[in-house]
Amino acid sequence: MLQKYLTVKEAGQHEINIERSRFIAHIKRAESEEEAHEFINTIKKEHWNANHNCSAYMIGEHNLIQKANDDGEPSGTAGVPMLEVLKKRGLKDTVVVVTRYFGGIKLGAGGLIRAYGKSVSEGLNAVGIVERTLMRVMKTKIEYTLLGKVENEVRSSNFPLKEIHYLDTVEIETYVEEDKKEEFVEWMTELTNGQGIITEHQTDYLETEM
């Protein structure tokens, strides 16, 4: 698993108009080629009457899966420029489909390349980019009498709060960098006066908006 990488924040779409043609960028996070294909097919069914549904995706830790499809546009004028935008942004596990409804004015090869690239670029700006950082999840069990103090301290600390479970006791989950686990345990032990039960759990990705 990568320590850090960039991907899209959420699924979404964004439309631009160029020379009366509508370009609608549909963007989604996809962690497998099957997931990417499913998204592309969904958009194609939804926009079955569009002139083109061009697509591109980048998947995998080392970008081993890269595909671009012009869907009837002149070769190299749609899918490839879309893929290039994903590469320039350094994105992983991302699929994009640009739906075009032709407006009657031909753009030429250069115009198409610029239009499809712009559609993806503006679409990414609209849905947002996040940096995912692999962190260790630490769980601290405390009595309810300590909740207010501990929660306030955690929220103002450098250890991001993941989740709070309200059970017989309170379980507070925090994100901790691997090389700061000892520091966290010492800090939490002092904070709870030794009453907190601190355990190490799975790794998970913390997402930060870029």
Protein backbone atom coordinates (compact mmCIF):
# COMPACT_ATOMS: atom_id res chain seq x y z
CA MET A 1 0.00 0.00 0.00
CA LEU A 2 1.28 3.44 -0.92
CA GLN A 3 2.14 5.76 1.95
CA LYS A 4 0.62 8.74 0.13
CA TYR A 5 -1.22 9.39 -3.11
CA LEU A 6 -3.70 11.77 -4.72
CA THR A 7 -7.17 10.92 -5.97
CA VAL A 8 -10.56 12.57 -6.47
CA LYS A 9 -12.50 13.59 -3.39
CA GLU A 10 -15.89 12.33 -4.55
CA ALA A 11 -17.95 11.42 -7.56
CA GLY A 12 -19.45 14.28 -9.50
CA GLN A 13 -19.93 15.99 -12.83
CA HIS A 14 -19.24 19.36 -14.40
CA GLU A 15 -20.44 20.82 -17.70
CA ILE A 16 -18.81 23.35 -20.01
CA ASN A 17 -19.96 24.67 -23.40
CA ILE A 18 -17.56 25.24 -26.30
CA GLU A 19 -18.81 26.45 -29.69
CA ARG A 20 -22.34 25.28 -28.84
CA SER A 21 -21.16 21.73 -28.00
CA ARG A 22 -21.86 20.49 -24.46
CA PHE A 23 -18.99 18.71 -22.71
CA ILE A 24 -20.03 16.97 -19.48
CA ALA A 25 -17.22 15.49 -17.37
CA HIS A 26 -18.31 12.62 -15.11
CA ILE A 27 -15.66 11.74 -12.51
CA LYS A 28 -15.40 8.95 -9.96
CA ARG A 29 -12.87 7.12 -7.80
CA ALA A 30 -12.28 3.55 -9.03
CA GLU A 31 -9.98 1.01 -7.39
CA SER A 32 -10.28 -1.67 -10.09
CA GLU A 33 -10.66 -1.85 -13.85
CA GLU A 34 -14.01 -3.59 -13.39
CA GLU A 35 -15.25 -0.66 -11.31
CA ALA A 36 -14.06 1.77 -14.00
CA HIS A 37 -15.84 -0.19 -16.75
CA GLU A 38 -19.04 -0.31 -14.71
CA PHE A 39 -18.97 3.49 -14.30
CA ILE A 40 -18.27 4.06 -18.00
CA ASN A 41 -21.12 1.77 -19.03
CA THR A 42 -23.48 3.51 -16.59
CA ILE A 43 -22.71 6.90 -18.13
CA LYS A 44 -23.10 5.49 -21.66
CA LYS A 45 -26.54 4.14 -20.79
CA GLU A 46 -27.55 7.41 -19.14
CA HIS A 47 -26.35 9.47 -22.13
CA TRP A 48 -27.17 6.98 -24.88
CA ASN A 49 -28.23 9.78 -27.23
CA ALA A 50 -24.97 11.76 -26.92
CA ASN A 51 -22.61 11.97 -29.88
CA HIS A 52 -19.65 10.66 -27.84
CA ASN A 53 -18.88 9.26 -24.39
CA CYS A 54 -15.08 9.36 -24.27
CA SER A 55 -13.23 7.88 -21.30
CA ALA A 56 -9.92 7.54 -19.52
CA TYR A 57 -8.72 6.01 -16.27
CA MET A 58 -5.62 5.49 -14.14
CA ILE A 59 -5.68 2.61 -11.66
CA GLY A 60 -3.18 0.91 -9.37
CA GLU A 61 -0.31 1.88 -7.07
CA HIS A 62 2.14 2.20 -9.96
CA ASN A 63 -0.38 3.31 -12.61
CA LEU A 64 -0.07 -0.03 -14.38
CA ILE A 65 -3.64 0.21 -15.67
CA GLN A 66 -4.07 3.17 -18.02
CA LYS A 67 -6.72 3.30 -20.70
CA ALA A 68 -8.11 5.96 -23.03
CA ASN A 69 -11.03 5.70 -25.45
CA ASP A 70 -12.02 8.26 -28.10
CA ASP A 71 -15.49 6.74 -28.67
CA GLY A 72 -15.70 7.88 -32.28
CA GLU A 73 -13.83 11.17 -32.05
CA PRO A 74 -10.73 11.41 -34.30
CA SER A 75 -7.95 9.20 -32.94
CA GLY A 76 -5.97 10.83 -30.12
CA THR A 77 -8.22 13.89 -29.75
CA ALA A 78 -10.27 12.87 -26.70
CA GLY A 79 -9.24 9.91 -24.54
CA VAL A 80 -5.50 10.62 -24.61
CA PRO A 81 -5.74 14.32 -23.65
CA MET A 82 -8.15 13.31 -20.89
CA LEU A 83 -5.64 10.75 -19.62
CA GLU A 84 -2.85 13.33 -19.79
CA VAL A 85 -4.75 15.60 -17.41
CA LEU A 86 -5.00 12.75 -14.87
CA LYS A 87 -1.25 12.16 -15.24
CA LYS A 88 -0.33 15.83 -14.86
CA ARG A 89 -2.45 16.06 -11.71
CA GLY A 90 -0.73 12.95 -10.35
CA LEU A 91 -4.03 11.17 -9.70
CA LYS A 92 -4.52 7.49 -9.02
CA ASP A 93 -7.63 5.27 -8.97
CA THR A 94 -9.61 7.78 -11.02
CA VAL A 95 -11.99 7.30 -13.96
CA VAL A 96 -13.49 10.06 -16.09
CA VAL A 97 -16.06 10.05 -18.88
CA VAL A 98 -16.66 13.15 -20.99
CA THR A 99 -20.03 13.17 -22.72
CA ARG A 100 -20.26 15.38 -25.81
CA TYR A 101 -23.44 16.66 -27.39
CA PHE A 102 -22.37 18.13 -30.74
CA GLY A 103 -23.48 21.71 -31.29
CA GLY A 104 -22.98 21.92 -35.04
CA ILE A 105 -19.58 23.60 -35.17
CA LYS A 106 -16.55 21.43 -35.85
CA LEU A 107 -13.60 22.15 -33.55
CA GLY A 108 -10.79 20.47 -35.49
CA ALA A 109 -8.19 18.17 -33.92
CA GLY A 110 -6.50 20.88 -31.88
CA GLY A 111 -9.81 22.26 -30.68
CA LEU A 112 -11.01 18.82 -29.60
CA ILE A 113 -7.81 18.12 -27.68
CA ARG A 114 -8.13 21.44 -25.83
CA ALA A 115 -11.86 20.94 -25.20
CA TYR A 116 -11.60 17.45 -23.73
CA GLY A 117 -8.58 18.41 -21.64
CA LYS A 118 -10.33 21.52 -20.33
CA SER A 119 -13.47 19.53 -19.53
CA VAL A 120 -11.55 17.08 -17.35
CA SER A 121 -9.42 19.77 -15.72
CA GLU A 122 -12.42 21.90 -14.75
CA GLY A 123 -14.31 18.79 -13.68
CA LEU A 124 -11.50 17.82 -11.30
CA ASN A 125 -11.50 21.32 -9.84
CA ALA A 126 -15.25 21.02 -9.27
CA VAL A 127 -15.24 17.63 -7.49
CA GLY A 128 -12.00 18.26 -5.58
CA ILE A 129 -8.73 16.43 -4.97
CA VAL A 130 -7.61 14.72 -1.75
CA GLU A 131 -4.29 13.40 -0.52
CA ARG A 132 -4.64 9.99 1.11
CA THR A 133 -2.02 9.24 3.78
CA LEU A 134 -1.64 5.76 5.27
CA MET A 135 -1.94 5.98 9.06
CA ARG A 136 -2.15 3.63 12.02
CA VAL A 137 -5.49 3.63 13.87
CA MET A 138 -5.06 3.74 17.64
CA LYS A 139 -8.03 3.05 19.90
CA THR A 140 -8.31 4.44 23.42
CA LYS A 141 -10.99 3.17 25.82
CA ILE A 142 -11.94 5.57 28.60
CA GLU A 143 -14.74 6.14 31.11
CA TYR A 144 -17.37 8.73 30.25
CA THR A 145 -16.08 11.02 33.02
CA LEU A 146 -12.93 11.60 30.93
CA LEU A 147 -14.68 12.14 27.61
CA GLY A 148 -14.92 15.94 27.59
CA LYS A 149 -11.29 16.48 28.53
CA VAL A 150 -9.85 13.81 26.21
CA GLU A 151 -12.02 14.72 23.21
CA ASN A 152 -11.10 18.41 23.46
CA GLU A 153 -7.39 17.60 23.71
CA VAL A 154 -7.52 15.16 20.78
CA ARG A 155 -9.36 17.64 18.55
CA SER A 156 -6.71 20.29 19.18
CA SER A 157 -3.76 17.87 18.84
CA ASN A 158 -1.71 16.69 15.84
CA PHE A 159 -3.44 13.29 16.03
CA PRO A 160 -6.56 13.52 13.81
CA LEU A 161 -9.76 12.12 15.28
CA LYS A 162 -11.22 9.24 13.25
CA GLU A 163 -14.31 8.24 15.20
CA ILE A 164 -15.86 8.02 18.67
CA HIS A 165 -17.86 4.94 19.71
CA TYR A 166 -20.26 5.42 22.61
CA LEU A 167 -20.55 2.00 24.24
CA ASP A 168 -20.31 0.80 27.87
CA THR A 169 -17.14 2.83 27.81
CA VAL A 170 -16.06 5.40 25.24
CA GLU A 171 -13.75 4.27 22.43
CA ILE A 172 -11.83 7.05 20.72
CA GLU A 173 -10.12 6.20 17.43
CA THR A 174 -7.29 8.43 16.23
CA TYR A 175 -4.97 8.48 13.23
CA VAL A 176 -1.30 8.21 14.18
CA GLU A 177 1.78 8.17 11.97
CA GLU A 178 3.77 4.94 12.36
CA ASP A 179 6.84 6.71 13.71
CA LYS A 180 4.78 8.60 16.30
CA LYS A 181 3.02 5.67 17.97
CA GLU A 182 5.22 5.76 21.07
CA GLU A 183 4.76 9.50 21.35
CA PHE A 184 0.99 9.05 21.11
CA VAL A 185 0.88 6.31 23.77
CA GLU A 186 2.92 8.43 26.19
CA TRP A 187 0.75 11.49 25.52
CA MET A 188 -2.54 9.61 25.89
CA THR A 189 -1.36 7.79 29.02
CA GLU A 190 -0.53 11.10 30.65
CA LEU A 191 -3.76 12.69 29.42
CA THR A 192 -5.90 9.93 30.94
CA ASN A 193 -3.78 9.59 34.09
CA GLY A 194 -3.07 6.01 33.09
CA GLN A 195 -6.77 5.12 33.03
CA GLY A 196 -7.08 4.78 29.27
CA ILE A 197 -6.67 1.39 27.59
CA ILE A 198 -4.68 2.06 24.42
CA THR A 199 -4.53 -0.51 21.62
CA GLU A 200 -3.08 -0.56 18.11
CA HIS A 201 -5.38 -1.46 15.23
CA GLN A 202 -5.41 -1.60 11.43
CA THR A 203 -3.94 0.92 9.04
CA ASP A 204 -6.32 3.22 7.21
CA TYR A 205 -6.09 6.21 4.89
CA LEU A 206 -6.57 9.72 6.19
CA GLU A 207 -7.93 12.04 3.50
CA THR A 208 -6.87 15.69 3.35
CA GLU A 209 -8.34 18.15 0.86
CA MET A 210 -5.81 19.74 -1.45
